[in-house]
Amino acid sequence: MAEVHFERKIRVGSQEGWIGEFETHDTDGSHDFTLFARSGSPIRVEVKTIRKGAKPKVEVQKTRNAKDDPSSRLYAANQFDVLAVCIGRFTGNWTEFRYAIADRLPRHRIYPNKLKVMHDVPLEPTEGTAWFSRLQEVIDELV
């Protein structure tokens, strides 16, 4: 469901002109979307939904793992550029997202080139963090 709402957002952004083209990916091991900024720069986006609970948190790991690699469920820190998190489960508004620059997210304590699994998602992101309230802001920060 989060991917559907996110795609609606990027369609609007494309119509308004602050996103160029975009591609969807439905392949294991690949990010969910590639957006192209007005400059043509690609931005890889992984979409997740927050977990149920008292505080908004997102689990950032893959569904399946490889037999011979205990870290294979973890995402590499450079596997995508933006983490888009639907916070509808917490707010009741399924079109509401928070966005993080993946390279700024905390790393796994054992596998430093991989992202930590659980992340707090701020409802009101503050300047200077990995998190943003608006997709356009995170795109502007990256390009």
N, C-alpha and C. Protein backbone atom coordinates (compact mmCIF):
# COMPACT_ATOMS: atom_id res chain seq x y z
N MET A 1 0.82 -1.19 0.00
CA MET A 1 0.00 0.00 0.00
C MET A 1 0.87 1.26 0.00
N ALA A 2 1.98 1.25 0.73
CA ALA A 2 2.85 2.42 0.80
C ALA A 2 3.39 2.78 -0.59
N GLU A 3 3.74 1.77 -1.38
CA GLU A 3 4.27 2.03 -2.72
C GLU A 3 3.24 2.73 -3.60
N VAL A 4 1.96 2.35 -3.46
CA VAL A 4 0.89 2.96 -4.24
C VAL A 4 0.76 4.45 -3.91
N HIS A 5 0.75 4.76 -2.62
CA HIS A 5 0.65 6.16 -2.20
C HIS A 5 1.89 6.96 -2.60
N PHE A 6 3.05 6.33 -2.50
CA PHE A 6 4.27 7.02 -2.90
C PHE A 6 4.25 7.31 -4.40
N GLU A 7 3.81 6.34 -5.19
CA GLU A 7 3.75 6.56 -6.64
C GLU A 7 2.82 7.71 -6.98
N ARG A 8 1.72 7.83 -6.26
CA ARG A 8 0.81 8.97 -6.49
C ARG A 8 1.54 10.29 -6.23
N LYS A 9 2.34 10.32 -5.16
CA LYS A 9 3.10 11.54 -4.84
C LYS A 9 4.08 11.90 -5.96
N ILE A 10 4.77 10.90 -6.47
CA ILE A 10 5.76 11.21 -7.50
C ILE A 10 5.10 11.54 -8.84
N ARG A 11 3.91 11.02 -9.07
CA ARG A 11 3.17 11.43 -10.28
C ARG A 11 2.83 12.92 -10.20
N VAL A 12 2.39 13.37 -9.03
CA VAL A 12 2.10 14.80 -8.83
C VAL A 12 3.37 15.61 -9.02
N GLY A 13 4.47 15.17 -8.42
CA GLY A 13 5.74 15.86 -8.58
C GLY A 13 6.18 15.94 -10.03
N SER A 14 5.91 14.89 -10.77
CA SER A 14 6.24 14.87 -12.20
C SER A 14 5.37 15.87 -12.97
N GLN A 15 4.09 15.93 -12.63
CA GLN A 15 3.18 16.88 -13.28
C GLN A 15 3.55 18.32 -12.92
N GLU A 16 3.97 18.53 -11.68
CA GLU A 16 4.34 19.89 -11.23
C GLU A 16 5.73 20.30 -11.71
N GLY A 17 6.52 19.33 -12.17
CA GLY A 17 7.81 19.65 -12.75
C GLY A 17 9.01 19.58 -11.84
N TRP A 18 8.84 19.23 -10.57
CA TRP A 18 10.02 19.15 -9.70
C TRP A 18 10.63 17.75 -9.68
N ILE A 19 9.98 16.81 -10.35
CA ILE A 19 10.55 15.49 -10.64
C ILE A 19 10.45 15.33 -12.15
N GLY A 20 11.51 14.83 -12.75
CA GLY A 20 11.46 14.54 -14.18
C GLY A 20 10.67 13.26 -14.37
N GLU A 21 11.29 12.28 -14.94
CA GLU A 21 10.65 10.97 -15.12
C GLU A 21 10.87 10.13 -13.87
N PHE A 22 10.20 8.98 -13.83
CA PHE A 22 10.45 8.02 -12.75
C PHE A 22 10.22 6.61 -13.28
N GLU A 23 10.83 5.66 -12.60
CA GLU A 23 10.67 4.24 -12.93
C GLU A 23 10.28 3.50 -11.67
N THR A 24 9.45 2.47 -11.81
CA THR A 24 9.13 1.59 -10.69
C THR A 24 9.90 0.29 -10.90
N HIS A 25 10.28 -0.33 -9.80
CA HIS A 25 11.02 -1.59 -9.87
C HIS A 25 10.34 -2.59 -8.93
N ASP A 26 10.02 -3.74 -9.46
CA ASP A 26 9.41 -4.78 -8.64
C ASP A 26 10.27 -6.04 -8.75
N THR A 27 11.53 -5.87 -8.35
CA THR A 27 12.51 -6.94 -8.47
C THR A 27 13.18 -7.16 -7.12
N ASP A 28 13.29 -8.42 -6.69
CA ASP A 28 13.99 -8.70 -5.44
C ASP A 28 15.41 -8.15 -5.52
N GLY A 29 15.84 -7.52 -4.44
CA GLY A 29 17.19 -6.99 -4.37
C GLY A 29 17.35 -5.61 -4.96
N SER A 30 16.28 -5.06 -5.55
CA SER A 30 16.36 -3.73 -6.13
C SER A 30 15.54 -2.75 -5.30
N HIS A 31 15.90 -1.48 -5.37
CA HIS A 31 15.10 -0.44 -4.73
C HIS A 31 13.74 -0.36 -5.43
N ASP A 32 12.78 0.35 -4.84
CA ASP A 32 11.41 0.36 -5.36
C ASP A 32 11.19 1.34 -6.52
N PHE A 33 11.85 2.49 -6.48
CA PHE A 33 11.66 3.51 -7.50
C PHE A 33 12.99 4.17 -7.84
N THR A 34 13.08 4.65 -9.07
CA THR A 34 14.15 5.56 -9.45
C THR A 34 13.47 6.83 -9.94
N LEU A 35 13.79 7.94 -9.28
CA LEU A 35 13.28 9.25 -9.68
C LEU A 35 14.39 9.97 -10.41
N PHE A 36 14.03 10.80 -11.34
CA PHE A 36 15.03 11.61 -12.03
C PHE A 36 14.73 13.07 -11.72
N ALA A 37 15.69 13.71 -11.07
CA ALA A 37 15.56 15.13 -10.75
C ALA A 37 15.52 15.93 -12.05
N ARG A 38 15.13 17.18 -11.96
CA ARG A 38 15.09 18.03 -13.15
C ARG A 38 16.43 18.05 -13.87
N SER A 39 17.51 17.91 -13.12
CA SER A 39 18.85 17.91 -13.71
C SER A 39 19.15 16.60 -14.44
N GLY A 40 18.29 15.59 -14.25
CA GLY A 40 18.53 14.28 -14.84
C GLY A 40 19.19 13.30 -13.90
N SER A 41 19.62 13.78 -12.72
CA SER A 41 20.27 12.91 -11.75
C SER A 41 19.29 11.86 -11.22
N PRO A 42 19.70 10.57 -11.23
CA PRO A 42 18.82 9.53 -10.69
C PRO A 42 18.87 9.50 -9.17
N ILE A 43 17.73 9.23 -8.56
CA ILE A 43 17.62 9.10 -7.11
C ILE A 43 16.89 7.80 -6.84
N ARG A 44 17.59 6.86 -6.19
CA ARG A 44 17.01 5.55 -5.89
C ARG A 44 16.26 5.61 -4.56
N VAL A 45 15.01 5.11 -4.57
CA VAL A 45 14.15 5.22 -3.39
C VAL A 45 13.66 3.84 -2.97
N GLU A 46 13.79 3.57 -1.67
CA GLU A 46 13.22 2.37 -1.05
C GLU A 46 12.05 2.83 -0.20
N VAL A 47 10.89 2.16 -0.33
CA VAL A 47 9.68 2.55 0.39
C VAL A 47 9.38 1.52 1.47
N LYS A 48 9.10 2.01 2.66
CA LYS A 48 8.74 1.15 3.80
C LYS A 48 7.55 1.77 4.53
N THR A 49 6.95 0.99 5.42
CA THR A 49 5.86 1.44 6.29
C THR A 49 6.32 1.29 7.73
N ILE A 50 5.94 2.24 8.58
CA ILE A 50 6.34 2.12 9.98
C ILE A 50 5.68 0.90 10.61
N ARG A 51 6.29 0.42 11.67
CA ARG A 51 5.78 -0.72 12.42
C ARG A 51 4.69 -0.26 13.39
N LYS A 52 3.87 -1.20 13.80
CA LYS A 52 2.89 -0.90 14.84
C LYS A 52 3.64 -0.70 16.15
N GLY A 53 3.14 0.20 16.98
CA GLY A 53 3.79 0.44 18.27
C GLY A 53 3.49 1.83 18.79
N ALA A 54 3.99 2.09 19.97
CA ALA A 54 3.74 3.37 20.64
C ALA A 54 4.53 4.51 20.00
N LYS A 55 5.69 4.20 19.41
CA LYS A 55 6.53 5.21 18.78
C LYS A 55 6.73 4.83 17.32
N PRO A 56 6.78 5.82 16.42
CA PRO A 56 7.01 5.48 15.01
C PRO A 56 8.44 5.00 14.77
N LYS A 57 8.54 3.76 14.30
CA LYS A 57 9.83 3.14 13.97
C LYS A 57 9.67 2.42 12.64
N VAL A 58 10.77 2.32 11.93
CA VAL A 58 10.76 1.58 10.67
C VAL A 58 11.82 0.49 10.72
N GLU A 59 11.47 -0.65 10.18
CA GLU A 59 12.40 -1.78 10.08
C GLU A 59 12.98 -1.77 8.67
N VAL A 60 14.29 -1.64 8.58
CA VAL A 60 14.96 -1.53 7.30
C VAL A 60 15.79 -2.79 7.07
N GLN A 61 15.11 -3.82 6.58
CA GLN A 61 15.81 -5.03 6.17
C GLN A 61 14.93 -5.76 5.16
N LYS A 62 15.56 -6.64 4.41
CA LYS A 62 14.87 -7.39 3.36
C LYS A 62 14.11 -8.57 3.97
N THR A 63 13.18 -9.09 3.21
CA THR A 63 12.36 -10.22 3.66
C THR A 63 13.14 -11.52 3.70
N ARG A 64 13.99 -11.72 2.72
CA ARG A 64 14.72 -12.99 2.60
C ARG A 64 16.22 -12.78 2.79
N ASN A 65 16.88 -13.88 3.19
CA ASN A 65 18.34 -13.82 3.29
C ASN A 65 18.96 -14.99 2.56
N ALA A 66 20.23 -14.83 2.24
CA ALA A 66 20.99 -15.90 1.59
C ALA A 66 21.52 -16.84 2.65
N LYS A 67 21.62 -18.11 2.31
CA LYS A 67 22.08 -19.12 3.27
C LYS A 67 23.47 -18.82 3.84
N ASP A 68 24.37 -18.42 2.99
CA ASP A 68 25.78 -18.30 3.39
C ASP A 68 26.20 -16.92 3.86
N ASP A 69 25.25 -15.98 3.98
CA ASP A 69 25.61 -14.62 4.36
C ASP A 69 24.65 -14.10 5.42
N PRO A 70 25.07 -14.08 6.68
CA PRO A 70 24.18 -13.62 7.75
C PRO A 70 23.77 -12.15 7.64
N SER A 71 24.49 -11.38 6.84
CA SER A 71 24.16 -9.96 6.69
C SER A 71 23.31 -9.69 5.45
N SER A 72 22.90 -10.72 4.73
CA SER A 72 22.24 -10.51 3.44
C SER A 72 20.85 -9.87 3.55
N ARG A 73 20.20 -9.95 4.70
CA ARG A 73 18.90 -9.27 4.87
C ARG A 73 19.07 -7.77 5.09
N LEU A 74 20.26 -7.37 5.45
CA LEU A 74 20.53 -5.96 5.71
C LEU A 74 20.77 -5.22 4.40
N TYR A 75 20.35 -3.96 4.36
CA TYR A 75 20.60 -3.13 3.19
C TYR A 75 21.98 -2.50 3.30
N ALA A 76 22.70 -2.51 2.19
CA ALA A 76 23.96 -1.77 2.14
C ALA A 76 23.63 -0.28 2.23
N ALA A 77 24.50 0.47 2.85
CA ALA A 77 24.26 1.90 3.03
C ALA A 77 24.17 2.64 1.69
N ASN A 78 24.73 2.06 0.64
CA ASN A 78 24.69 2.70 -0.67
C ASN A 78 23.71 2.00 -1.63
N GLN A 79 22.84 1.17 -1.12
CA GLN A 79 21.90 0.42 -1.96
C GLN A 79 20.77 1.29 -2.51
N PHE A 80 20.44 2.35 -1.80
CA PHE A 80 19.46 3.32 -2.27
C PHE A 80 19.85 4.68 -1.71
N ASP A 81 19.26 5.73 -2.25
CA ASP A 81 19.60 7.09 -1.83
C ASP A 81 18.64 7.64 -0.78
N VAL A 82 17.36 7.29 -0.91
CA VAL A 82 16.32 7.83 -0.04
C VAL A 82 15.47 6.69 0.50
N LEU A 83 15.19 6.77 1.79
CA LEU A 83 14.23 5.88 2.43
C LEU A 83 12.95 6.68 2.61
N ALA A 84 11.87 6.23 1.95
CA ALA A 84 10.56 6.88 2.07
C ALA A 84 9.71 6.02 2.99
N VAL A 85 9.27 6.59 4.12
CA VAL A 85 8.55 5.82 5.12
C VAL A 85 7.12 6.35 5.26
N CYS A 86 6.16 5.49 4.95
CA CYS A 86 4.75 5.85 5.13
C CYS A 86 4.45 5.80 6.63
N ILE A 87 3.93 6.90 7.16
CA ILE A 87 3.63 6.95 8.60
C ILE A 87 2.13 6.86 8.87
N GLY A 88 1.37 6.42 7.87
CA GLY A 88 -0.08 6.34 7.99
C GLY A 88 -0.56 5.43 9.11
N ARG A 89 0.17 4.38 9.39
CA ARG A 89 -0.21 3.48 10.48
C ARG A 89 -0.22 4.22 11.82
N PHE A 90 0.59 5.25 11.92
CA PHE A 90 0.69 6.02 13.16
C PHE A 90 -0.25 7.23 13.17
N THR A 91 -0.35 7.92 12.02
CA THR A 91 -1.13 9.16 11.96
C THR A 91 -2.55 8.97 11.45
N GLY A 92 -2.81 7.85 10.76
CA GLY A 92 -4.11 7.64 10.13
C GLY A 92 -4.19 8.22 8.73
N ASN A 93 -3.15 8.95 8.31
CA ASN A 93 -3.10 9.53 6.97
C ASN A 93 -2.10 8.74 6.14
N TRP A 94 -2.61 7.85 5.29
CA TRP A 94 -1.75 6.93 4.54
C TRP A 94 -1.01 7.60 3.39
N THR A 95 -1.25 8.89 3.17
CA THR A 95 -0.50 9.60 2.14
C THR A 95 0.66 10.38 2.74
N GLU A 96 0.85 10.26 4.06
CA GLU A 96 1.90 11.01 4.75
C GLU A 96 3.17 10.17 4.87
N PHE A 97 4.30 10.77 4.50
CA PHE A 97 5.59 10.09 4.52
C PHE A 97 6.62 10.94 5.24
N ARG A 98 7.68 10.28 5.67
CA ARG A 98 8.91 10.93 6.11
C ARG A 98 10.01 10.34 5.24
N TYR A 99 11.02 11.15 4.96
CA TYR A 99 12.07 10.75 4.03
C TYR A 99 13.42 10.91 4.69
N ALA A 100 14.28 9.91 4.49
CA ALA A 100 15.63 9.98 5.05
C ALA A 100 16.65 9.78 3.94
N ILE A 101 17.75 10.50 4.06
CA ILE A 101 18.89 10.26 3.17
C ILE A 101 19.62 9.05 3.73
N ALA A 102 19.67 8.00 2.93
CA ALA A 102 20.18 6.71 3.41
C ALA A 102 21.60 6.80 3.95
N ASP A 103 22.44 7.56 3.30
CA ASP A 103 23.84 7.66 3.72
C ASP A 103 24.00 8.30 5.10
N ARG A 104 22.97 9.00 5.57
CA ARG A 104 23.03 9.65 6.89
C ARG A 104 22.41 8.81 7.99
N LEU A 105 21.84 7.66 7.65
CA LEU A 105 21.22 6.80 8.66
C LEU A 105 22.28 6.02 9.43
N PRO A 106 22.00 5.67 10.68
CA PRO A 106 22.97 4.90 11.47
C PRO A 106 23.27 3.53 10.83
N ARG A 107 24.49 3.10 11.03
CA ARG A 107 24.96 1.82 10.48
C ARG A 107 24.78 0.70 11.50
N HIS A 108 24.79 -0.51 10.98
CA HIS A 108 24.71 -1.71 11.81
C HIS A 108 25.98 -1.82 12.63
N ARG A 109 25.86 -2.24 13.88
CA ARG A 109 27.03 -2.27 14.77
C ARG A 109 28.05 -3.35 14.39
N ILE A 110 27.61 -4.44 13.76
CA ILE A 110 28.53 -5.52 13.37
C ILE A 110 28.99 -5.37 11.92
N TYR A 111 28.09 -4.88 11.06
CA TYR A 111 28.39 -4.74 9.63
C TYR A 111 28.34 -3.24 9.27
N PRO A 112 29.45 -2.54 9.39
CA PRO A 112 29.45 -1.08 9.25
C PRO A 112 29.10 -0.57 7.85
N ASN A 113 29.15 -1.42 6.84
CA ASN A 113 28.75 -0.97 5.50
C ASN A 113 27.25 -1.19 5.25
N LYS A 114 26.55 -1.71 6.27
CA LYS A 114 25.10 -1.96 6.17
C LYS A 114 24.35 -1.02 7.11
N LEU A 115 23.07 -0.80 6.81
CA LEU A 115 22.24 0.04 7.65
C LEU A 115 21.73 -0.73 8.86
N LYS A 116 21.59 -0.02 9.95
CA LYS A 116 20.98 -0.56 11.16
C LYS A 116 19.55 -1.01 10.80
N VAL A 117 19.00 -1.98 11.52
CA VAL A 117 17.69 -2.53 11.18
C VAL A 117 16.55 -1.61 11.64
N MET A 118 16.54 -1.16 12.88
CA MET A 118 15.43 -0.36 13.41
C MET A 118 15.83 1.11 13.52
N HIS A 119 14.93 1.98 13.04
CA HIS A 119 15.17 3.42 13.07
C HIS A 119 13.94 4.13 13.61
N ASP A 120 14.15 5.07 14.54
CA ASP A 120 13.06 5.95 14.96
C ASP A 120 12.74 6.88 13.80
N VAL A 121 11.45 7.14 13.60
CA VAL A 121 11.02 8.05 12.54
C VAL A 121 10.42 9.28 13.20
N PRO A 122 11.06 10.42 13.06
CA PRO A 122 10.55 11.64 13.70
C PRO A 122 9.30 12.15 12.98
N LEU A 123 8.27 12.46 13.73
CA LEU A 123 7.07 13.04 13.13
C LEU A 123 7.33 14.46 12.68
N GLU A 124 8.22 15.15 13.40
CA GLU A 124 8.61 16.52 13.04
C GLU A 124 10.13 16.55 12.88
N PRO A 125 10.62 16.24 11.67
CA PRO A 125 12.08 16.26 11.46
C PRO A 125 12.68 17.64 11.73
N THR A 126 13.89 17.64 12.25
CA THR A 126 14.58 18.90 12.52
C THR A 126 15.75 19.05 11.54
N GLU A 127 16.11 20.28 11.30
CA GLU A 127 17.18 20.57 10.36
C GLU A 127 18.48 19.94 10.83
N GLY A 128 19.24 19.45 9.87
CA GLY A 128 20.54 18.86 10.19
C GLY A 128 20.49 17.37 10.48
N THR A 129 19.33 16.75 10.36
CA THR A 129 19.23 15.30 10.55
C THR A 129 19.11 14.62 9.19
N ALA A 130 18.98 13.32 9.21
CA ALA A 130 18.80 12.55 7.97
C ALA A 130 17.38 12.69 7.44
N TRP A 131 16.44 13.17 8.27
CA TRP A 131 15.01 13.09 7.98
C TRP A 131 14.41 14.40 7.46
N PHE A 132 13.41 14.24 6.56
CA PHE A 132 12.70 15.34 5.95
C PHE A 132 11.20 15.04 5.93
N SER A 133 10.39 16.09 5.92
CA SER A 133 8.93 15.93 5.83
C SER A 133 8.42 15.93 4.39
N ARG A 134 9.18 16.57 3.51
CA ARG A 134 8.71 16.72 2.12
C ARG A 134 9.72 16.09 1.17
N LEU A 135 9.19 15.36 0.20
CA LEU A 135 10.04 14.70 -0.80
C LEU A 135 10.86 15.73 -1.59
N GLN A 136 10.25 16.84 -1.92
CA GLN A 136 10.96 17.86 -2.69
C GLN A 136 12.19 18.37 -1.94
N GLU A 137 12.09 18.48 -0.60
CA GLU A 137 13.22 18.93 0.21
C GLU A 137 14.39 17.95 0.14
N VAL A 138 14.09 16.67 0.21
CA VAL A 138 15.17 15.68 0.20
C VAL A 138 15.80 15.61 -1.19
N ILE A 139 15.00 15.76 -2.24
CA ILE A 139 15.55 15.79 -3.59
C ILE A 139 16.47 16.99 -3.76
N ASP A 140 16.01 18.14 -3.29
CA ASP A 140 16.85 19.36 -3.38
C ASP A 140 18.16 19.18 -2.62
N GLU A 141 18.11 18.49 -1.49
CA GLU A 141 19.32 18.26 -0.69
C GLU A 141 20.31 17.35 -1.43
N LEU A 142 19.79 16.41 -2.21
CA LEU A 142 20.65 15.43 -2.88
C LEU A 142 21.26 15.92 -4.18
N VAL A 143 20.56 16.81 -4.87
CA VAL A 143 21.07 17.22 -6.22
C VAL A 143 21.61 18.62 -6.23
